[in-house]
Amino acid sequence: MYELEMNAKHKITAILLTSYLLLLTSLHAQNVKDSSLLIPMVKFSYSGMWPGGDMAKRFGFGSVVSLNFSIKTKRNLFFGADGGFIFSDNVNENGILDSLMTSSGFIINQSGNPATVRIYERGFTASLHFGKLFPIGKHNKNSGLIVYAGPTYLWHWIGIDDIGHQSPQLVDDYLKGYDRFTGGFGVHEFIGYIYFGNNRILNFFAGFDFTQAFTKSLRGYDYDLMRADTQNRKDMLSGFRIGWVLPLYRSTPDEFYYH
């Protein structure tokens, strides 16, 4: 009899526990998919970017990795900020180090040997954005077409790496005379799709990314040009961005992380 009572209690406990878990799952699914929620989030993304305008004369295809913090309101408005790191080995602007080369086309290091010098693209973006989410269908009110835009600041330069650091012509402040350090304000836009699932793992976004910036040289003097670069530039980037979204709530969206 005792064993029968214990088995019955175990079965009842199992049934109650299963029912409780199913209820939580149902509530979670209902909260995420059936109601438009306030969702703070962190987004990690990669973009393959093609330069345009004056930037295309200096660089080729490049990559941007970005970190973004956004908030989606219950009315599906978006706002936030993000920063991106630009990198590429595709440099189109040739001749910046010609004045340091011998007639044989080499830069001689302090040991009297030809130096090995690598050039590459580096840059950053810092942006604010404001936009809106447009749900597609009735199955998930927190997922759909997303459009946003906002002000941005773009920096870029030509990185110069003297392998072994044996060339005194390419150290410290001397590098600043050749790196074409450039920056300026502009506008950043994005249009794409964002998806929020029933957990904090399957959440992503993808779409098209655009940047237009009015920039100029941030260096006072270019050694190879033997003058200051006073040209006003229009630099553009465009490409496809894909990323992962980390919503900042616990098992139910109304419980947020506090630090």
C-alpha atoms as a PDB file:
ATOM      1  CA  MET A   1       0.000   0.000   0.000  1.00  0.00           C
ATOM      2  CA  TYR A   2       2.816   2.390   0.919  1.00  0.00           C
ATOM      3  CA  GLU A   3       4.541   1.777  -2.404  1.00  0.00           C
ATOM      4  CA  LEU A   4       1.277   2.413  -4.277  1.00  0.00           C
ATOM      5  CA  GLU A   5       0.808   5.714  -2.429  1.00  0.00           C
ATOM      6  CA  MET A   6       4.392   6.772  -3.192  1.00  0.00           C
ATOM      7  CA  ASN A   7       4.006   5.865  -6.870  1.00  0.00           C
ATOM      8  CA  ALA A   8       0.750   7.816  -6.989  1.00  0.00           C
ATOM      9  CA  LYS A   9       2.429  10.823  -5.375  1.00  0.00           C
ATOM     10  CA  HIS A  10       5.324  10.609  -7.828  1.00  0.00           C
ATOM     11  CA  LYS A  11       2.918  10.468 -10.761  1.00  0.00           C
ATOM     12  CA  ILE A  12       0.921  13.429  -9.467  1.00  0.00           C
ATOM     13  CA  THR A  13       4.141  15.390  -8.892  1.00  0.00           C
ATOM     14  CA  ALA A  14       5.346  14.563 -12.383  1.00  0.00           C
ATOM     15  CA  ILE A  15       2.019  15.585 -13.903  1.00  0.00           C
ATOM     16  CA  LEU A  16       1.962  18.866 -11.957  1.00  0.00           C
ATOM     17  CA  LEU A  17       5.581  19.629 -12.871  1.00  0.00           C
ATOM     18  CA  THR A  18       4.950  18.855 -16.541  1.00  0.00           C
ATOM     19  CA  SER A  19       1.819  21.003 -16.526  1.00  0.00           C
ATOM     20  CA  TYR A  20       3.742  23.851 -14.882  1.00  0.00           C
ATOM     21  CA  LEU A  21       6.534  23.695 -17.459  1.00  0.00           C
ATOM     22  CA  LEU A  22       4.038  23.574 -20.316  1.00  0.00           C
ATOM     23  CA  LEU A  23       2.275  26.585 -18.837  1.00  0.00           C
ATOM     24  CA  LEU A  24       5.529  28.527 -18.623  1.00  0.00           C
ATOM     25  CA  THR A  25       6.376  27.592 -22.195  1.00  0.00           C
ATOM     26  CA  SER A  26       2.907  28.654 -23.326  1.00  0.00           C
ATOM     27  CA  LEU A  27       3.161  31.968 -21.510  1.00  0.00           C
ATOM     28  CA  HIS A  28       6.629  32.560 -22.868  1.00  0.00           C
ATOM     29  CA  ALA A  29       5.511  31.864 -26.420  1.00  0.00           C
ATOM     30  CA  GLN A  30       2.456  34.045 -25.967  1.00  0.00           C
ATOM     31  CA  ASN A  31       4.514  36.925 -24.557  1.00  0.00           C
ATOM     32  CA  VAL A  32       7.144  36.808 -27.294  1.00  0.00           C
ATOM     33  CA  LYS A  33       4.994  36.124 -30.317  1.00  0.00           C
ATOM     34  CA  ASP A  34       1.555  37.456 -29.463  1.00  0.00           C
ATOM     35  CA  SER A  35       2.395  40.743 -27.744  1.00  0.00           C
ATOM     36  CA  SER A  36       4.520  43.664 -28.878  1.00  0.00           C
ATOM     37  CA  LEU A  37       7.207  43.973 -26.193  1.00  0.00           C
ATOM     38  CA  LEU A  38       9.718  46.433 -24.852  1.00  0.00           C
ATOM     39  CA  ILE A  39      12.991  44.684 -25.714  1.00  0.00           C
ATOM     40  CA  PRO A  40      16.475  46.038 -24.916  1.00  0.00           C
ATOM     41  CA  MET A  41      19.046  44.125 -26.942  1.00  0.00           C
ATOM     42  CA  VAL A  42      22.689  43.811 -27.890  1.00  0.00           C
ATOM     43  CA  LYS A  43      23.491  42.994 -31.526  1.00  0.00           C
ATOM     44  CA  PHE A  44      26.708  41.551 -32.954  1.00  0.00           C
ATOM     45  CA  SER A  45      27.106  41.733 -36.727  1.00  0.00           C
ATOM     46  CA  TYR A  46      29.341  41.373 -39.759  1.00  0.00           C
ATOM     47  CA  SER A  47      29.108  43.398 -42.976  1.00  0.00           C
ATOM     48  CA  GLY A  48      30.780  42.962 -46.325  1.00  0.00           C
ATOM     49  CA  MET A  49      31.124  46.535 -47.584  1.00  0.00           C
ATOM     50  CA  TRP A  50      31.900  48.134 -50.952  1.00  0.00           C
ATOM     51  CA  PRO A  51      33.286  51.683 -50.849  1.00  0.00           C
ATOM     52  CA  GLY A  52      31.900  54.416 -53.064  1.00  0.00           C
ATOM     53  CA  GLY A  53      32.651  58.022 -53.931  1.00  0.00           C
ATOM     54  CA  ASP A  54      36.131  59.201 -52.971  1.00  0.00           C
ATOM     55  CA  MET A  55      36.587  56.216 -50.698  1.00  0.00           C
ATOM     56  CA  ALA A  56      36.568  53.865 -53.705  1.00  0.00           C
ATOM     57  CA  LYS A  57      39.679  55.625 -55.014  1.00  0.00           C
ATOM     58  CA  ARG A  58      41.507  54.718 -51.815  1.00  0.00           C
ATOM     59  CA  PHE A  59      40.141  51.290 -50.814  1.00  0.00           C
ATOM     60  CA  GLY A  60      38.524  48.177 -52.241  1.00  0.00           C
ATOM     61  CA  PHE A  61      36.073  45.708 -50.713  1.00  0.00           C
ATOM     62  CA  GLY A  62      36.288  45.499 -46.932  1.00  0.00           C
ATOM     63  CA  SER A  63      34.676  44.114 -43.805  1.00  0.00           C
ATOM     64  CA  VAL A  64      32.985  45.722 -40.818  1.00  0.00           C
ATOM     65  CA  VAL A  65      32.294  44.050 -37.466  1.00  0.00           C
ATOM     66  CA  SER A  66      29.869  45.939 -35.253  1.00  0.00           C
ATOM     67  CA  LEU A  67      28.531  46.028 -31.718  1.00  0.00           C
ATOM     68  CA  ASN A  68      25.132  47.629 -31.245  1.00  0.00           C
ATOM     69  CA  PHE A  69      22.777  48.424 -28.375  1.00  0.00           C
ATOM     70  CA  SER A  70      19.136  49.039 -29.263  1.00  0.00           C
ATOM     71  CA  ILE A  71      15.742  49.282 -27.625  1.00  0.00           C
ATOM     72  CA  LYS A  72      12.503  48.240 -29.299  1.00  0.00           C
ATOM     73  CA  THR A  73       9.453  49.826 -27.704  1.00  0.00           C
ATOM     74  CA  LYS A  74       5.989  48.296 -27.418  1.00  0.00           C
ATOM     75  CA  ARG A  75       4.999  50.499 -30.345  1.00  0.00           C
ATOM     76  CA  ASN A  76       7.777  48.880 -32.401  1.00  0.00           C
ATOM     77  CA  LEU A  77       9.940  51.997 -32.466  1.00  0.00           C
ATOM     78  CA  PHE A  78      13.708  51.399 -32.539  1.00  0.00           C
ATOM     79  CA  PHE A  79      16.501  53.572 -31.213  1.00  0.00           C
ATOM     80  CA  GLY A  80      20.075  52.929 -30.173  1.00  0.00           C
ATOM     81  CA  ALA A  81      23.772  53.327 -30.892  1.00  0.00           C
ATOM     82  CA  ASP A  82      26.483  51.228 -32.492  1.00  0.00           C
ATOM     83  CA  GLY A  83      30.170  51.170 -33.285  1.00  0.00           C
ATOM     84  CA  GLY A  84      31.924  49.362 -36.106  1.00  0.00           C
ATOM     85  CA  PHE A  85      35.511  48.360 -36.876  1.00  0.00           C
ATOM     86  CA  ILE A  86      36.532  48.504 -40.563  1.00  0.00           C
ATOM     87  CA  PHE A  87      39.338  46.329 -41.921  1.00  0.00           C
ATOM     88  CA  SER A  88      40.630  45.271 -45.324  1.00  0.00           C
ATOM     89  CA  ASP A  89      43.828  44.479 -47.202  1.00  0.00           C
ATOM     90  CA  ASN A  90      42.523  46.149 -50.366  1.00  0.00           C
ATOM     91  CA  VAL A  91      44.256  49.522 -50.761  1.00  0.00           C
ATOM     92  CA  ASN A  92      43.891  51.243 -54.139  1.00  0.00           C
ATOM     93  CA  GLU A  93      45.807  54.436 -53.403  1.00  0.00           C
ATOM     94  CA  ASN A  94      49.331  53.698 -54.558  1.00  0.00           C
ATOM     95  CA  GLY A  95      52.496  55.717 -54.265  1.00  0.00           C
ATOM     96  CA  ILE A  96      52.187  57.006 -50.712  1.00  0.00           C
ATOM     97  CA  LEU A  97      55.624  55.567 -49.846  1.00  0.00           C
ATOM     98  CA  ASP A  98      57.352  56.250 -53.177  1.00  0.00           C
ATOM     99  CA  SER A  99      59.382  59.113 -51.704  1.00  0.00           C
ATOM    100  CA  LEU A 100      61.027  56.650 -49.285  1.00  0.00           C
ATOM    101  CA  MET A 101      61.998  54.107 -51.941  1.00  0.00           C
ATOM    102  CA  THR A 102      65.265  53.660 -53.751  1.00  0.00           C
ATOM    103  CA  SER A 103      65.508  53.542 -57.540  1.00  0.00           C
ATOM    104  CA  SER A 104      65.115  49.768 -57.223  1.00  0.00           C
ATOM    105  CA  GLY A 105      61.733  50.173 -55.552  1.00  0.00           C
ATOM    106  CA  PHE A 106      62.726  49.226 -51.988  1.00  0.00           C
ATOM    107  CA  ILE A 107      62.656  50.948 -48.612  1.00  0.00           C
ATOM    108  CA  ILE A 108      65.996  50.377 -46.922  1.00  0.00           C
ATOM    109  CA  ASN A 109      65.933  49.637 -43.196  1.00  0.00           C
ATOM    110  CA  GLN A 110      68.568  50.566 -40.615  1.00  0.00           C
ATOM    111  CA  SER A 111      70.470  47.349 -41.327  1.00  0.00           C
ATOM    112  CA  GLY A 112      70.871  48.293 -44.977  1.00  0.00           C
ATOM    113  CA  ASN A 113      68.449  45.608 -46.152  1.00  0.00           C
ATOM    114  CA  PRO A 114      65.148  45.969 -48.029  1.00  0.00           C
ATOM    115  CA  ALA A 115      62.315  46.445 -45.558  1.00  0.00           C
ATOM    116  CA  THR A 116      59.123  44.413 -45.702  1.00  0.00           C
ATOM    117  CA  VAL A 117      56.225  46.837 -45.511  1.00  0.00           C
ATOM    118  CA  ARG A 118      52.536  45.926 -45.492  1.00  0.00           C
ATOM    119  CA  ILE A 119      49.712  48.413 -46.062  1.00  0.00           C
ATOM    120  CA  TYR A 120      46.045  47.869 -45.264  1.00  0.00           C
ATOM    121  CA  GLU A 121      42.788  49.661 -44.486  1.00  0.00           C
ATOM    122  CA  ARG A 122      41.566  50.407 -40.981  1.00  0.00           C
ATOM    123  CA  GLY A 123      38.658  52.494 -39.750  1.00  0.00           C
ATOM    124  CA  PHE A 124      35.785  52.993 -37.334  1.00  0.00           C
ATOM    125  CA  THR A 125      32.182  54.136 -37.392  1.00  0.00           C
ATOM    126  CA  ALA A 126      30.117  55.495 -34.508  1.00  0.00           C
ATOM    127  CA  SER A 127      26.380  55.940 -35.077  1.00  0.00           C
ATOM    128  CA  LEU A 128      23.035  56.717 -33.505  1.00  0.00           C
ATOM    129  CA  HIS A 129      19.878  55.328 -35.085  1.00  0.00           C
ATOM    130  CA  PHE A 130      16.118  55.799 -34.971  1.00  0.00           C
ATOM    131  CA  GLY A 131      13.576  53.701 -36.834  1.00  0.00           C
ATOM    132  CA  LYS A 132      10.622  51.375 -36.803  1.00  0.00           C
ATOM    133  CA  LEU A 133       9.729  47.696 -36.994  1.00  0.00           C
ATOM    134  CA  PHE A 134       6.896  46.635 -39.303  1.00  0.00           C
ATOM    135  CA  PRO A 135       5.609  43.157 -38.329  1.00  0.00           C
ATOM    136  CA  ILE A 136       4.936  40.798 -41.220  1.00  0.00           C
ATOM    137  CA  GLY A 137       1.781  38.791 -40.605  1.00  0.00           C
ATOM    138  CA  LYS A 138       0.183  38.051 -37.227  1.00  0.00           C
ATOM    139  CA  HIS A 139       2.390  35.158 -36.120  1.00  0.00           C
ATOM    140  CA  ASN A 140       5.075  37.249 -34.413  1.00  0.00           C
ATOM    141  CA  LYS A 141       4.448  40.881 -33.490  1.00  0.00           C
ATOM    142  CA  ASN A 142       8.093  41.436 -32.565  1.00  0.00           C
ATOM    143  CA  SER A 143       9.608  40.268 -35.871  1.00  0.00           C
ATOM    144  CA  GLY A 144       9.466  41.791 -39.327  1.00  0.00           C
ATOM    145  CA  LEU A 145      10.828  44.507 -41.591  1.00  0.00           C
ATOM    146  CA  ILE A 146      13.070  47.000 -39.807  1.00  0.00           C
ATOM    147  CA  VAL A 147      14.107  50.398 -41.148  1.00  0.00           C
ATOM    148  CA  TYR A 148      16.296  52.900 -39.338  1.00  0.00           C
ATOM    149  CA  ALA A 149      18.689  55.787 -39.966  1.00  0.00           C
ATOM    150  CA  GLY A 150      20.722  58.301 -38.030  1.00  0.00           C
ATOM    151  CA  PRO A 151      23.865  60.404 -37.766  1.00  0.00           C
ATOM    152  CA  THR A 152      27.278  58.757 -37.968  1.00  0.00           C
ATOM    153  CA  TYR A 153      30.951  59.624 -37.783  1.00  0.00           C
ATOM    154  CA  LEU A 154      33.376  57.808 -40.071  1.00  0.00           C
ATOM    155  CA  TRP A 155      37.140  57.487 -39.622  1.00  0.00           C
ATOM    156  CA  HIS A 156      39.507  55.634 -41.951  1.00  0.00           C
ATOM    157  CA  TRP A 157      43.210  55.482 -42.656  1.00  0.00           C
ATOM    158  CA  ILE A 158      45.906  53.478 -44.415  1.00  0.00           C
ATOM    159  CA  GLY A 159      47.681  51.257 -41.923  1.00  0.00           C
ATOM    160  CA  ILE A 160      51.416  50.889 -42.516  1.00  0.00           C
ATOM    161  CA  ASP A 161      53.215  47.979 -40.905  1.00  0.00           C
ATOM    162  CA  ASP A 162      57.006  47.786 -41.108  1.00  0.00           C
ATOM    163  CA  ILE A 163      57.591  44.102 -40.411  1.00  0.00           C
ATOM    164  CA  GLY A 164      60.321  43.893 -37.766  1.00  0.00           C
ATOM    165  CA  HIS A 165      60.214  47.653 -37.087  1.00  0.00           C
ATOM    166  CA  GLN A 166      63.644  48.206 -38.623  1.00  0.00           C
ATOM    167  CA  SER A 167      62.856  51.352 -40.664  1.00  0.00           C
ATOM    168  CA  PRO A 168      63.236  54.674 -38.786  1.00  0.00           C
ATOM    169  CA  GLN A 169      61.299  56.398 -41.596  1.00  0.00           C
ATOM    170  CA  LEU A 170      58.174  54.493 -40.543  1.00  0.00           C
ATOM    171  CA  VAL A 171      57.964  54.889 -36.778  1.00  0.00           C
ATOM    172  CA  ASP A 172      55.920  57.025 -34.410  1.00  0.00           C
ATOM    173  CA  ASP A 173      55.022  60.467 -35.759  1.00  0.00           C
ATOM    174  CA  TYR A 174      56.603  59.796 -39.164  1.00  0.00           C
ATOM    175  CA  LEU A 175      53.791  57.360 -39.969  1.00  0.00           C
ATOM    176  CA  LYS A 176      51.212  60.107 -39.480  1.00  0.00           C
ATOM    177  CA  GLY A 177      52.582  61.882 -42.543  1.00  0.00           C
ATOM    178  CA  TYR A 178      51.667  58.947 -44.778  1.00  0.00           C
ATOM    179  CA  ASP A 179      48.567  57.264 -43.301  1.00  0.00           C
ATOM    180  CA  ARG A 180      45.856  59.508 -44.880  1.00  0.00           C
ATOM    181  CA  PHE A 181      43.920  59.676 -41.612  1.00  0.00           C
ATOM    182  CA  THR A 182      40.462  60.948 -42.597  1.00  0.00           C
ATOM    183  CA  GLY A 183      37.162  61.572 -40.843  1.00  0.00           C
ATOM    184  CA  GLY A 184      33.832  63.347 -40.915  1.00  0.00           C
ATOM    185  CA  PHE A 185      30.124  63.285 -40.129  1.00  0.00           C
ATOM    186  CA  GLY A 186      27.462  61.656 -42.232  1.00  0.00           C
ATOM    187  CA  VAL A 187      24.327  59.510 -42.284  1.00  0.00           C
ATOM    188  CA  HIS A 188      23.867  55.778 -41.771  1.00  0.00           C
ATOM    189  CA  GLU A 189      20.833  53.770 -42.973  1.00  0.00           C
ATOM    190  CA  PHE A 190      19.705  50.153 -42.660  1.00  0.00           C
ATOM    191  CA  ILE A 191      16.794  48.183 -44.080  1.00  0.00           C
ATOM    192  CA  GLY A 192      16.292  44.500 -43.397  1.00  0.00           C
ATOM    193  CA  TYR A 193      14.538  41.811 -41.375  1.00  0.00           C
ATOM    194  CA  ILE A 194      14.785  41.036 -37.660  1.00  0.00           C
ATOM    195  CA  TYR A 195      13.528  37.901 -35.930  1.00  0.00           C
ATOM    196  CA  PHE A 196      12.882  37.201 -32.240  1.00  0.00           C
ATOM    197  CA  GLY A 197      12.260  33.591 -31.264  1.00  0.00           C
ATOM    198  CA  ASN A 198      11.028  32.035 -28.042  1.00  0.00           C
ATOM    199  CA  ASN A 199      14.483  31.927 -26.487  1.00  0.00           C
ATOM    200  CA  ARG A 200      17.564  34.089 -26.332  1.00  0.00           C
ATOM    201  CA  ILE A 201      19.473  31.965 -28.866  1.00  0.00           C
ATOM    202  CA  LEU A 202      17.483  32.025 -32.104  1.00  0.00           C
ATOM    203  CA  ASN A 203      17.344  35.783 -32.679  1.00  0.00           C
ATOM    204  CA  PHE A 204      18.929  37.371 -35.745  1.00  0.00           C
ATOM    205  CA  PHE A 205      18.760  40.155 -38.304  1.00  0.00           C
ATOM    206  CA  ALA A 206      19.972  40.690 -41.859  1.00  0.00           C
ATOM    207  CA  GLY A 207      19.712  43.438 -44.436  1.00  0.00           C
ATOM    208  CA  PHE A 208      21.378  46.195 -46.412  1.00  0.00           C
ATOM    209  CA  ASP A 209      23.597  48.804 -44.817  1.00  0.00           C
ATOM    210  CA  PHE A 210      24.506  52.255 -46.213  1.00  0.00           C
ATOM    211  CA  THR A 211      26.792  55.074 -45.044  1.00  0.00           C
ATOM    212  CA  GLN A 212      27.461  58.464 -46.622  1.00  0.00           C
ATOM    213  CA  ALA A 213      29.916  60.837 -44.938  1.00  0.00           C
ATOM    214  CA  PHE A 214      31.461  64.201 -45.734  1.00  0.00           C
ATOM    215  CA  THR A 215      35.073  63.822 -44.659  1.00  0.00           C
ATOM    216  CA  LYS A 216      38.443  65.505 -44.871  1.00  0.00           C
ATOM    217  CA  SER A 217      42.028  64.833 -43.883  1.00  0.00           C
ATOM    218  CA  LEU A 218      42.706  64.986 -40.150  1.00  0.00           C
ATOM    219  CA  ARG A 219      46.461  65.355 -40.654  1.00  0.00           C
ATOM    220  CA  GLY A 220      48.152  68.727 -40.906  1.00  0.00           C
ATOM    221  CA  TYR A 221      50.691  67.656 -43.535  1.00  0.00           C
ATOM    222  CA  ASP A 222      51.247  64.771 -45.955  1.00  0.00           C
ATOM    223  CA  TYR A 223      54.945  64.054 -46.410  1.00  0.00           C
ATOM    224  CA  ASP A 224      54.669  62.427 -49.821  1.00  0.00           C
ATOM    225  CA  LEU A 225      52.529  65.279 -51.207  1.00  0.00           C
ATOM    226  CA  MET A 226      54.704  67.884 -49.430  1.00  0.00           C
ATOM    227  CA  ARG A 227      51.581  69.843 -48.544  1.00  0.00           C
ATOM    228  CA  ALA A 228      48.436  69.696 -46.466  1.00  0.00           C
ATOM    229  CA  ASP A 229      45.509  67.806 -47.978  1.00  0.00           C
ATOM    230  CA  THR A 230      42.593  70.282 -47.958  1.00  0.00           C
ATOM    231  CA  GLN A 231      40.256  68.340 -50.260  1.00  0.00           C
ATOM    232  CA  ASN A 232      36.661  67.848 -49.146  1.00  0.00           C
ATOM    233  CA  ARG A 233      35.624  64.249 -49.661  1.00  0.00           C
ATOM    234  CA  LYS A 234      32.414  62.280 -49.980  1.00  0.00           C
ATOM    235  CA  ASP A 235      33.003  58.751 -48.713  1.00  0.00           C
ATOM    236  CA  MET A 236      30.389  56.012 -49.000  1.00  0.00           C
ATOM    237  CA  LEU A 237      29.994  52.422 -47.854  1.00  0.00           C
ATOM    238  CA  SER A 238      27.291  49.960 -48.834  1.00  0.00           C
ATOM    239  CA  GLY A 239      26.830  46.245 -48.335  1.00  0.00           C
ATOM    240  CA  PHE A 240      25.015  43.358 -46.693  1.00  0.00           C
ATOM    241  CA  ARG A 241      24.919  42.973 -42.900  1.00  0.00           C
ATOM    242  CA  ILE A 242      24.003  39.881 -40.894  1.00  0.00           C
ATOM    243  CA  GLY A 243      24.042  39.509 -37.144  1.00  0.00           C
ATOM    244  CA  TRP A 244      22.938  37.821 -33.941  1.00  0.00           C
ATOM    245  CA  VAL A 245      20.659  39.487 -31.396  1.00  0.00           C
ATOM    246  CA  LEU A 246      20.912  39.006 -27.634  1.00  0.00           C
ATOM    247  CA  PRO A 247      17.637  40.193 -25.992  1.00  0.00           C
ATOM    248  CA  LEU A 248      18.265  41.412 -22.460  1.00  0.00           C
ATOM    249  CA  TYR A 249      15.525  39.527 -20.670  1.00  0.00           C
ATOM    250  CA  ARG A 250      15.406  36.257 -18.747  1.00  0.00           C
ATOM    251  CA  SER A 251      13.087  33.336 -19.414  1.00  0.00           C
ATOM    252  CA  THR A 252      10.114  35.696 -19.614  1.00  0.00           C
ATOM    253  CA  PRO A 253      10.490  39.030 -21.413  1.00  0.00           C
ATOM    254  CA  ASP A 254       9.207  41.102 -18.477  1.00  0.00           C
ATOM    255  CA  GLU A 255      12.202  40.119 -16.316  1.00  0.00           C
ATOM    256  CA  PHE A 256      15.184  42.239 -17.346  1.00  0.00           C
ATOM    257  CA  TYR A 257      18.831  42.034 -16.429  1.00  0.00           C
ATOM    258  CA  TYR A 258      20.061  44.666 -14.029  1.00  0.00           C
ATOM    259  CA  HIS A 259      23.736  45.263 -13.343  1.00  0.00           C
END
